[in-house]
N, C-alpha and C. Protein backbone atom coordinates (compact mmCIF):
# COMPACT_ATOMS: atom_id res chain seq x y z
N MET A 1 -11.43 20.64 7.84
CA MET A 1 -11.14 19.26 8.16
C MET A 1 -10.52 18.59 6.94
N GLY A 2 -9.57 17.70 7.15
CA GLY A 2 -8.89 17.01 6.06
C GLY A 2 -9.74 15.90 5.46
N ASP A 3 -9.21 15.29 4.42
CA ASP A 3 -9.90 14.17 3.78
C ASP A 3 -9.92 12.96 4.71
N MET A 4 -11.00 12.19 4.62
CA MET A 4 -11.11 10.95 5.39
C MET A 4 -10.67 9.80 4.50
N VAL A 5 -9.84 8.91 5.03
CA VAL A 5 -9.42 7.71 4.31
C VAL A 5 -9.54 6.51 5.24
N LYS A 6 -9.65 5.34 4.64
CA LYS A 6 -9.71 4.11 5.43
C LYS A 6 -8.36 3.84 6.08
N GLY A 7 -8.39 3.13 7.18
CA GLY A 7 -7.17 2.84 7.93
C GLY A 7 -6.12 2.10 7.11
N ASN A 8 -6.53 1.13 6.29
CA ASN A 8 -5.57 0.38 5.47
C ASN A 8 -4.85 1.30 4.49
N ILE A 9 -5.58 2.23 3.90
CA ILE A 9 -4.99 3.16 2.93
C ILE A 9 -4.05 4.13 3.65
N ALA A 10 -4.46 4.60 4.81
CA ALA A 10 -3.61 5.51 5.59
C ALA A 10 -2.30 4.82 5.97
N MET A 11 -2.38 3.56 6.39
CA MET A 11 -1.19 2.81 6.77
C MET A 11 -0.29 2.58 5.56
N ALA A 12 -0.87 2.24 4.42
CA ALA A 12 -0.09 2.00 3.21
C ALA A 12 0.62 3.28 2.75
N GLU A 13 -0.09 4.39 2.78
CA GLU A 13 0.52 5.66 2.36
C GLU A 13 1.60 6.08 3.35
N ALA A 14 1.40 5.83 4.63
CA ALA A 14 2.42 6.14 5.63
C ALA A 14 3.69 5.32 5.37
N ALA A 15 3.53 4.06 4.99
CA ALA A 15 4.68 3.21 4.67
C ALA A 15 5.45 3.78 3.48
N MET A 16 4.73 4.26 2.47
CA MET A 16 5.38 4.86 1.29
C MET A 16 6.15 6.11 1.69
N ARG A 17 5.54 6.95 2.49
CA ARG A 17 6.19 8.19 2.91
C ARG A 17 7.38 7.93 3.84
N ALA A 18 7.36 6.80 4.54
CA ALA A 18 8.46 6.43 5.42
C ALA A 18 9.61 5.78 4.66
N GLY A 19 9.40 5.50 3.37
CA GLY A 19 10.48 4.98 2.54
C GLY A 19 10.45 3.50 2.24
N ALA A 20 9.32 2.82 2.46
CA ALA A 20 9.24 1.39 2.14
C ALA A 20 9.59 1.18 0.66
N GLU A 21 10.49 0.25 0.39
CA GLU A 21 10.95 0.00 -0.97
C GLU A 21 10.30 -1.22 -1.62
N ILE A 22 9.76 -2.12 -0.80
CA ILE A 22 9.19 -3.35 -1.34
C ILE A 22 7.98 -3.77 -0.49
N TYR A 23 7.01 -4.36 -1.16
CA TYR A 23 5.86 -4.95 -0.47
C TYR A 23 5.60 -6.30 -1.11
N ALA A 24 5.49 -7.32 -0.32
CA ALA A 24 5.14 -8.65 -0.80
C ALA A 24 3.90 -9.08 -0.03
N GLY A 25 2.90 -9.54 -0.76
CA GLY A 25 1.67 -9.89 -0.07
C GLY A 25 0.88 -10.98 -0.77
N TYR A 26 -0.07 -11.51 -0.04
CA TYR A 26 -0.99 -12.52 -0.53
C TYR A 26 -2.39 -11.97 -0.31
N PRO A 27 -3.25 -12.01 -1.33
CA PRO A 27 -4.59 -11.42 -1.20
C PRO A 27 -5.51 -12.20 -0.26
N ILE A 28 -5.62 -11.72 0.95
CA ILE A 28 -6.52 -12.32 1.93
C ILE A 28 -6.99 -11.20 2.87
N THR A 29 -8.23 -11.22 3.21
CA THR A 29 -8.77 -10.20 4.10
C THR A 29 -8.07 -10.31 5.45
N PRO A 30 -7.70 -9.25 6.10
CA PRO A 30 -8.01 -7.85 5.83
C PRO A 30 -6.93 -7.11 5.05
N SER A 31 -5.91 -7.81 4.55
CA SER A 31 -4.80 -7.11 3.88
C SER A 31 -5.04 -6.83 2.40
N THR A 32 -6.11 -7.34 1.81
CA THR A 32 -6.36 -7.17 0.38
C THR A 32 -6.44 -5.70 -0.02
N GLU A 33 -7.12 -4.89 0.76
CA GLU A 33 -7.25 -3.47 0.42
C GLU A 33 -5.89 -2.77 0.39
N THR A 34 -5.03 -3.11 1.34
CA THR A 34 -3.68 -2.54 1.37
C THR A 34 -2.92 -2.95 0.12
N MET A 35 -3.00 -4.22 -0.23
CA MET A 35 -2.30 -4.72 -1.40
C MET A 35 -2.80 -4.08 -2.69
N GLU A 36 -4.10 -3.92 -2.83
CA GLU A 36 -4.66 -3.29 -4.02
C GLU A 36 -4.16 -1.85 -4.16
N TYR A 37 -4.11 -1.14 -3.07
CA TYR A 37 -3.63 0.25 -3.10
C TYR A 37 -2.16 0.30 -3.49
N LEU A 38 -1.35 -0.52 -2.83
CA LEU A 38 0.09 -0.50 -3.08
C LEU A 38 0.45 -1.01 -4.47
N SER A 39 -0.37 -1.87 -5.06
CA SER A 39 -0.07 -2.37 -6.41
C SER A 39 -0.07 -1.25 -7.44
N GLY A 40 -0.80 -0.19 -7.17
CA GLY A 40 -0.78 0.96 -8.06
C GLY A 40 0.19 2.04 -7.61
N ARG A 41 0.29 2.23 -6.32
CA ARG A 41 1.10 3.33 -5.77
C ARG A 41 2.61 3.07 -5.86
N MET A 42 3.03 1.85 -5.58
CA MET A 42 4.47 1.56 -5.57
C MET A 42 5.13 1.75 -6.93
N PRO A 43 4.57 1.26 -8.03
CA PRO A 43 5.19 1.50 -9.33
C PRO A 43 5.27 2.99 -9.68
N GLU A 44 4.31 3.78 -9.24
CA GLU A 44 4.37 5.23 -9.47
C GLU A 44 5.63 5.83 -8.86
N LEU A 45 6.11 5.24 -7.77
CA LEU A 45 7.27 5.74 -7.05
C LEU A 45 8.55 4.98 -7.39
N GLY A 46 8.47 4.06 -8.38
CA GLY A 46 9.65 3.29 -8.77
C GLY A 46 10.04 2.23 -7.75
N ARG A 47 9.07 1.73 -7.00
CA ARG A 47 9.33 0.74 -5.96
C ARG A 47 8.77 -0.62 -6.38
N THR A 48 9.14 -1.65 -5.65
CA THR A 48 8.81 -3.02 -6.02
C THR A 48 7.56 -3.53 -5.30
N PHE A 49 6.66 -4.12 -6.07
CA PHE A 49 5.44 -4.75 -5.53
C PHE A 49 5.42 -6.18 -6.01
N ILE A 50 5.25 -7.13 -5.10
CA ILE A 50 5.19 -8.55 -5.45
C ILE A 50 3.93 -9.14 -4.85
N GLN A 51 3.15 -9.83 -5.70
CA GLN A 51 1.96 -10.53 -5.21
C GLN A 51 2.19 -12.02 -5.37
N ALA A 52 1.99 -12.77 -4.30
CA ALA A 52 2.17 -14.22 -4.34
C ALA A 52 0.89 -14.90 -4.73
């Protein structure tokens, strides 16, 4: 069986693999977990992350 991940993380990683180049977000539940993940992942891939 594969690794288990939370839905927000799975969605964020799917967006990265699909080629998302930018993410802009505001920290509010339920999107905070997605934003926290992407704030680290996007720079690793040379992509843009913006937090309002």
